[in-house]
Amino acid sequence: MTTTIFRDRLPHRHFSLSSAAASSMRAAMATMALWRERARQRRHLAEMSAHMLADIGVSASAARAEASRPFWSG
């Protein structure tokens, strides 16, 4: 059996970002991480049983309302 390794056809190019661009990139990545975490938490909230919601002191209607919010909504 043979194994074929595919290599990039273009040479790797190194580049650097300006301080402002790097800062903007970090801010964008932090925002995406926050959105991803909100989406995960809201999915989890939507999957919780009434008993679990009662344990954490959240009503079923409040859980549904929070779970239905879009991830970008804080």
C-alpha atoms as a PDB file:
ATOM      1  CA  MET A   1       0.000   0.000   0.000  1.00  0.00           C
ATOM      2  CA  THR A   2       1.305   3.444  -0.862  1.00  0.00           C
ATOM      3  CA  THR A   3       0.610   6.737   0.802  1.00  0.00           C
ATOM      4  CA  THR A   4       0.451   9.950  -1.147  1.00  0.00           C
ATOM      5  CA  ILE A   5       1.227  13.205   0.575  1.00  0.00           C
ATOM      6  CA  PHE A   6      -0.326  16.294  -0.926  1.00  0.00           C
ATOM      7  CA  ARG A   7       1.676  19.459  -0.568  1.00  0.00           C
ATOM      8  CA  ASP A   8       0.601  23.033  -1.033  1.00  0.00           C
ATOM      9  CA  ARG A   9       1.283  24.290  -4.503  1.00  0.00           C
ATOM     10  CA  LEU A  10       2.027  27.809  -3.267  1.00  0.00           C
ATOM     11  CA  PRO A  11       5.000  28.590  -1.066  1.00  0.00           C
ATOM     12  CA  HIS A  12       4.230  29.486   2.523  1.00  0.00           C
ATOM     13  CA  ARG A  13       4.302  33.194   3.032  1.00  0.00           C
ATOM     14  CA  HIS A  14       4.909  34.814   6.347  1.00  0.00           C
ATOM     15  CA  PHE A  15       3.204  38.061   7.107  1.00  0.00           C
ATOM     16  CA  SER A  16       2.780  40.291  10.090  1.00  0.00           C
ATOM     17  CA  LEU A  17      -0.185  42.335  11.148  1.00  0.00           C
ATOM     18  CA  SER A  18      -0.049  45.901  12.304  1.00  0.00           C
ATOM     19  CA  SER A  19      -0.769  46.437  15.969  1.00  0.00           C
ATOM     20  CA  ALA A  20      -4.233  47.786  15.176  1.00  0.00           C
ATOM     21  CA  ALA A  21      -5.034  44.879  12.865  1.00  0.00           C
ATOM     22  CA  ALA A  22      -3.815  42.362  15.437  1.00  0.00           C
ATOM     23  CA  SER A  23      -5.913  44.042  18.099  1.00  0.00           C
ATOM     24  CA  SER A  24      -8.973  43.962  15.831  1.00  0.00           C
ATOM     25  CA  MET A  25      -8.329  40.298  15.058  1.00  0.00           C
ATOM     26  CA  ARG A  26      -8.103  39.453  18.767  1.00  0.00           C
ATOM     27  CA  ALA A  27     -11.324  41.367  19.447  1.00  0.00           C
ATOM     28  CA  ALA A  28     -13.120  39.535  16.633  1.00  0.00           C
ATOM     29  CA  MET A  29     -11.880  36.175  17.889  1.00  0.00           C
ATOM     30  CA  ALA A  30     -12.989  37.018  21.449  1.00  0.00           C
ATOM     31  CA  THR A  31     -16.427  38.002  20.166  1.00  0.00           C
ATOM     32  CA  MET A  32     -16.762  34.738  18.238  1.00  0.00           C
ATOM     33  CA  ALA A  33     -15.706  32.764  21.321  1.00  0.00           C
ATOM     34  CA  LEU A  34     -18.331  34.602  23.380  1.00  0.00           C
ATOM     35  CA  TRP A  35     -21.015  33.881  20.772  1.00  0.00           C
ATOM     36  CA  ARG A  36     -20.028  30.214  20.614  1.00  0.00           C
ATOM     37  CA  GLU A  37     -20.244  29.949  24.415  1.00  0.00           C
ATOM     38  CA  ARG A  38     -23.650  31.671  24.502  1.00  0.00           C
ATOM     39  CA  ALA A  39     -24.966  29.290  21.844  1.00  0.00           C
ATOM     40  CA  ARG A  40     -23.646  26.286  23.812  1.00  0.00           C
ATOM     41  CA  GLN A  41     -25.188  27.488  27.068  1.00  0.00           C
ATOM     42  CA  ARG A  42     -28.551  28.222  25.450  1.00  0.00           C
ATOM     43  CA  ARG A  43     -28.599  24.796  23.778  1.00  0.00           C
ATOM     44  CA  HIS A  44     -27.860  23.210  27.143  1.00  0.00           C
ATOM     45  CA  LEU A  45     -30.583  25.274  28.830  1.00  0.00           C
ATOM     46  CA  ALA A  46     -33.116  24.167  26.200  1.00  0.00           C
ATOM     47  CA  GLU A  47     -32.249  20.504  26.883  1.00  0.00           C
ATOM     48  CA  MET A  48     -32.689  20.717  30.670  1.00  0.00           C
ATOM     49  CA  SER A  49     -35.625  18.978  32.322  1.00  0.00           C
ATOM     50  CA  ALA A  50     -38.136  20.812  34.526  1.00  0.00           C
ATOM     51  CA  HIS A  51     -36.531  19.184  37.559  1.00  0.00           C
ATOM     52  CA  MET A  52     -33.056  20.430  36.583  1.00  0.00           C
ATOM     53  CA  LEU A  53     -34.406  23.926  35.928  1.00  0.00           C
ATOM     54  CA  ALA A  54     -36.103  23.943  39.343  1.00  0.00           C
ATOM     55  CA  ASP A  55     -32.791  22.924  40.948  1.00  0.00           C
ATOM     56  CA  ILE A  56     -31.075  25.998  39.536  1.00  0.00           C
ATOM     57  CA  GLY A  57     -34.052  28.280  40.239  1.00  0.00           C
ATOM     58  CA  VAL A  58     -35.086  28.962  36.647  1.00  0.00           C
ATOM     59  CA  SER A  59     -38.677  28.652  35.464  1.00  0.00           C
ATOM     60  CA  ALA A  60     -39.452  26.696  32.299  1.00  0.00           C
ATOM     61  CA  SER A  61     -40.803  29.824  30.613  1.00  0.00           C
ATOM     62  CA  ALA A  62     -37.680  31.835  31.481  1.00  0.00           C
ATOM     63  CA  ALA A  63     -35.493  28.995  30.185  1.00  0.00           C
ATOM     64  CA  ARG A  64     -37.454  28.838  26.911  1.00  0.00           C
ATOM     65  CA  ALA A  65     -37.215  32.618  26.509  1.00  0.00           C
ATOM     66  CA  GLU A  66     -33.443  32.609  27.088  1.00  0.00           C
ATOM     67  CA  ALA A  67     -32.844  29.546  24.900  1.00  0.00           C
ATOM     68  CA  SER A  68     -34.749  31.108  22.008  1.00  0.00           C
ATOM     69  CA  ARG A  69     -32.594  34.254  21.961  1.00  0.00           C
ATOM     70  CA  PRO A  70     -30.020  34.495  19.156  1.00  0.00           C
ATOM     71  CA  PHE A  71     -26.384  33.890  20.106  1.00  0.00           C
ATOM     72  CA  TRP A  72     -25.384  37.475  19.309  1.00  0.00           C
ATOM     73  CA  SER A  73     -27.952  38.870  21.734  1.00  0.00           C
ATOM     74  CA  GLY A  74     -26.364  39.557  25.110  1.00  0.00           C
END
